[in-house]
Amino acid sequence: MRDRNLIVAGLVAFLALLTFPVWYNRAAGTTSRPPELKLPAREKQCVAPVSYMRNSHMQLLIRWREEAVRQDVRTFTAADGRTYRISLTGTCLNCHSKPDFCDRCHNYAAVKPACWDCHLDPGQIQKARGTEYAHR
């Protein structure tokens, strides 16, 4: 019975350490809400349902890459029967803005996808063309 106070103090300290991130974020006024994304104005429907794209868009893009590069399949038929060209820059970035859509989520999730190692978004292409002509 003499150890009762030590046990209670240990449990309180453990719970305080366990819940520290919650209390710290509440005191700092930060939230864990995902970033607000700028959704496309032109299109009302994506190539796949939003719930799938939120969780599994990378699997779709990897499958597209494999089909386009290794099997020479260049079209994708969605569940609703619509067909799309398999292209990150030609299909996805026609609707979505890399800085306002892709980068916001990737920065929030702290991920660095390898897509941009090979692909350029249309904004980068315009910048590259502008500097190319400026040097002439």
Protein backbone atom coordinates (compact mmCIF):
# COMPACT_ATOMS: atom_id res chain seq x y z
CA MET A 1 0.00 0.00 0.00
CA ARG A 2 2.91 2.35 0.52
CA ASP A 3 3.69 2.26 -3.22
CA ARG A 4 0.19 3.48 -4.12
CA ASN A 5 1.32 7.12 -4.44
CA LEU A 6 4.25 6.14 -6.65
CA ILE A 7 2.01 4.06 -8.92
CA VAL A 8 -0.55 6.87 -9.28
CA ALA A 9 2.22 9.42 -9.96
CA GLY A 10 3.76 7.09 -12.55
CA LEU A 11 0.41 6.59 -14.31
CA VAL A 12 -0.24 10.35 -14.38
CA ALA A 13 3.23 10.99 -15.80
CA PHE A 14 2.73 8.25 -18.41
CA LEU A 15 -0.65 9.64 -19.50
CA ALA A 16 0.78 13.17 -19.64
CA LEU A 17 3.62 12.00 -21.92
CA LEU A 18 1.25 9.92 -24.03
CA THR A 19 -1.17 12.80 -24.63
CA PHE A 20 1.48 15.55 -24.86
CA PRO A 21 1.24 15.97 -28.67
CA VAL A 22 -2.52 16.54 -28.44
CA TRP A 23 -2.22 19.14 -25.69
CA TYR A 24 0.75 20.82 -27.35
CA ASN A 25 -1.06 21.20 -30.69
CA ARG A 26 -4.20 22.45 -28.96
CA ALA A 27 -2.21 25.05 -27.03
CA ALA A 28 -0.31 26.11 -30.16
CA GLY A 29 -3.56 26.43 -32.10
CA THR A 30 -2.53 23.98 -34.82
CA THR A 31 -4.85 21.42 -36.30
CA SER A 32 -4.36 18.22 -38.19
CA ARG A 33 -6.82 19.11 -40.93
CA PRO A 34 -5.61 18.26 -44.41
CA PRO A 35 -4.82 21.16 -46.73
CA GLU A 36 -7.56 22.82 -48.73
CA LEU A 37 -7.09 21.79 -52.33
CA LYS A 38 -7.98 23.78 -55.39
CA LEU A 39 -10.30 21.44 -57.26
CA PRO A 40 -10.66 21.59 -61.03
CA ALA A 41 -13.35 23.97 -62.28
CA ARG A 42 -13.79 22.39 -65.72
CA GLU A 43 -14.23 18.74 -64.79
CA LYS A 44 -16.76 17.41 -62.31
CA GLN A 45 -15.52 13.82 -62.37
CA CYS A 46 -12.04 12.36 -62.06
CA VAL A 47 -10.74 9.23 -63.80
CA ALA A 48 -11.63 7.29 -60.64
CA PRO A 49 -13.82 7.95 -57.58
CA VAL A 50 -12.47 10.56 -55.17
CA SER A 51 -12.23 8.05 -52.31
CA TYR A 52 -10.02 5.81 -54.46
CA MET A 53 -7.87 8.69 -55.70
CA ARG A 54 -7.25 10.01 -52.18
CA ASN A 55 -5.94 6.70 -50.97
CA SER A 56 -4.61 4.95 -54.06
CA HIS A 57 -3.71 7.49 -56.74
CA MET A 58 -0.08 6.39 -56.64
CA GLN A 59 -1.04 2.80 -57.42
CA LEU A 60 -3.07 4.05 -60.39
CA LEU A 61 -0.17 6.15 -61.66
CA ILE A 62 2.27 3.23 -61.27
CA ARG A 63 -0.14 0.96 -63.14
CA TRP A 64 -0.45 3.61 -65.88
CA ARG A 65 3.34 3.84 -66.11
CA GLU A 66 3.72 0.07 -66.40
CA GLU A 67 0.99 -0.20 -69.04
CA ALA A 68 2.25 2.74 -71.10
CA VAL A 69 5.96 1.94 -70.98
CA ARG A 70 6.03 -1.84 -70.93
CA GLN A 71 2.81 -2.83 -72.70
CA ASP A 72 2.29 0.19 -74.99
CA VAL A 73 -1.27 0.66 -73.69
CA ARG A 74 -2.08 4.37 -74.05
CA THR A 75 -5.75 4.56 -73.02
CA PHE A 76 -7.51 3.99 -69.73
CA THR A 77 -11.19 3.10 -69.48
CA ALA A 78 -12.80 4.30 -66.26
CA ALA A 79 -15.51 2.43 -64.39
CA ASP A 80 -18.15 4.69 -65.98
CA GLY A 81 -16.95 3.80 -69.50
CA ARG A 82 -15.17 7.07 -70.26
CA THR A 83 -11.72 6.72 -71.83
CA TYR A 84 -8.69 8.80 -70.96
CA ARG A 85 -5.20 9.07 -72.37
CA ILE A 86 -2.67 7.54 -69.99
CA SER A 87 -0.54 10.57 -69.21
CA LEU A 88 0.40 12.33 -65.99
CA THR A 89 1.04 15.67 -67.68
CA GLY A 90 -1.49 15.25 -70.48
CA THR A 91 -4.43 14.00 -68.43
CA CYS A 92 -3.99 14.66 -64.71
CA LEU A 93 -2.35 18.06 -65.02
CA ASN A 94 -4.94 19.23 -67.54
CA CYS A 95 -7.33 19.47 -64.58
CA HIS A 96 -5.11 19.69 -61.52
CA SER A 97 -2.47 22.28 -60.77
CA LYS A 98 0.76 20.82 -59.44
CA PRO A 99 1.44 23.67 -56.94
CA ASP A 100 -2.17 24.07 -55.81
CA PHE A 101 -3.14 20.41 -55.74
CA CYS A 102 -0.30 17.88 -55.84
CA ASP A 103 2.31 19.83 -53.89
CA ARG A 104 -0.08 20.85 -51.11
CA CYS A 105 -0.99 17.25 -50.31
CA HIS A 106 2.52 15.91 -50.76
CA ASN A 107 3.97 18.62 -48.50
CA TYR A 108 1.28 17.96 -45.87
CA ALA A 109 2.00 14.23 -45.96
CA ALA A 110 5.77 14.84 -46.16
CA VAL A 111 6.22 12.62 -49.22
CA LYS A 112 8.47 13.19 -52.19
CA PRO A 113 7.08 11.17 -55.11
CA ALA A 114 9.48 10.23 -57.87
CA CYS A 115 7.03 11.40 -60.57
CA TRP A 116 8.74 14.75 -60.89
CA ASP A 117 12.15 13.19 -61.47
CA CYS A 118 11.12 12.59 -65.09
CA HIS A 119 7.97 14.67 -65.63
CA LEU A 120 7.65 18.43 -65.77
CA ASP A 121 4.44 20.19 -64.91
CA PRO A 122 3.14 22.66 -67.52
CA GLY A 123 4.24 25.63 -65.37
CA GLN A 124 7.84 24.41 -65.39
CA ILE A 125 7.70 23.90 -69.14
CA GLN A 126 6.53 27.49 -69.67
CA LYS A 127 9.29 28.80 -67.38
CA ALA A 128 11.91 26.75 -69.25
CA ARG A 129 10.67 28.04 -72.60
CA GLY A 130 10.64 31.61 -71.32
CA THR A 131 14.24 31.47 -70.13
CA GLU A 132 15.28 29.71 -73.34
CA TYR A 133 13.95 32.56 -75.46
CA ALA A 134 15.27 35.21 -73.07
CA HIS A 135 18.86 34.01 -73.62
CA ARG A 136 18.71 34.42 -77.40
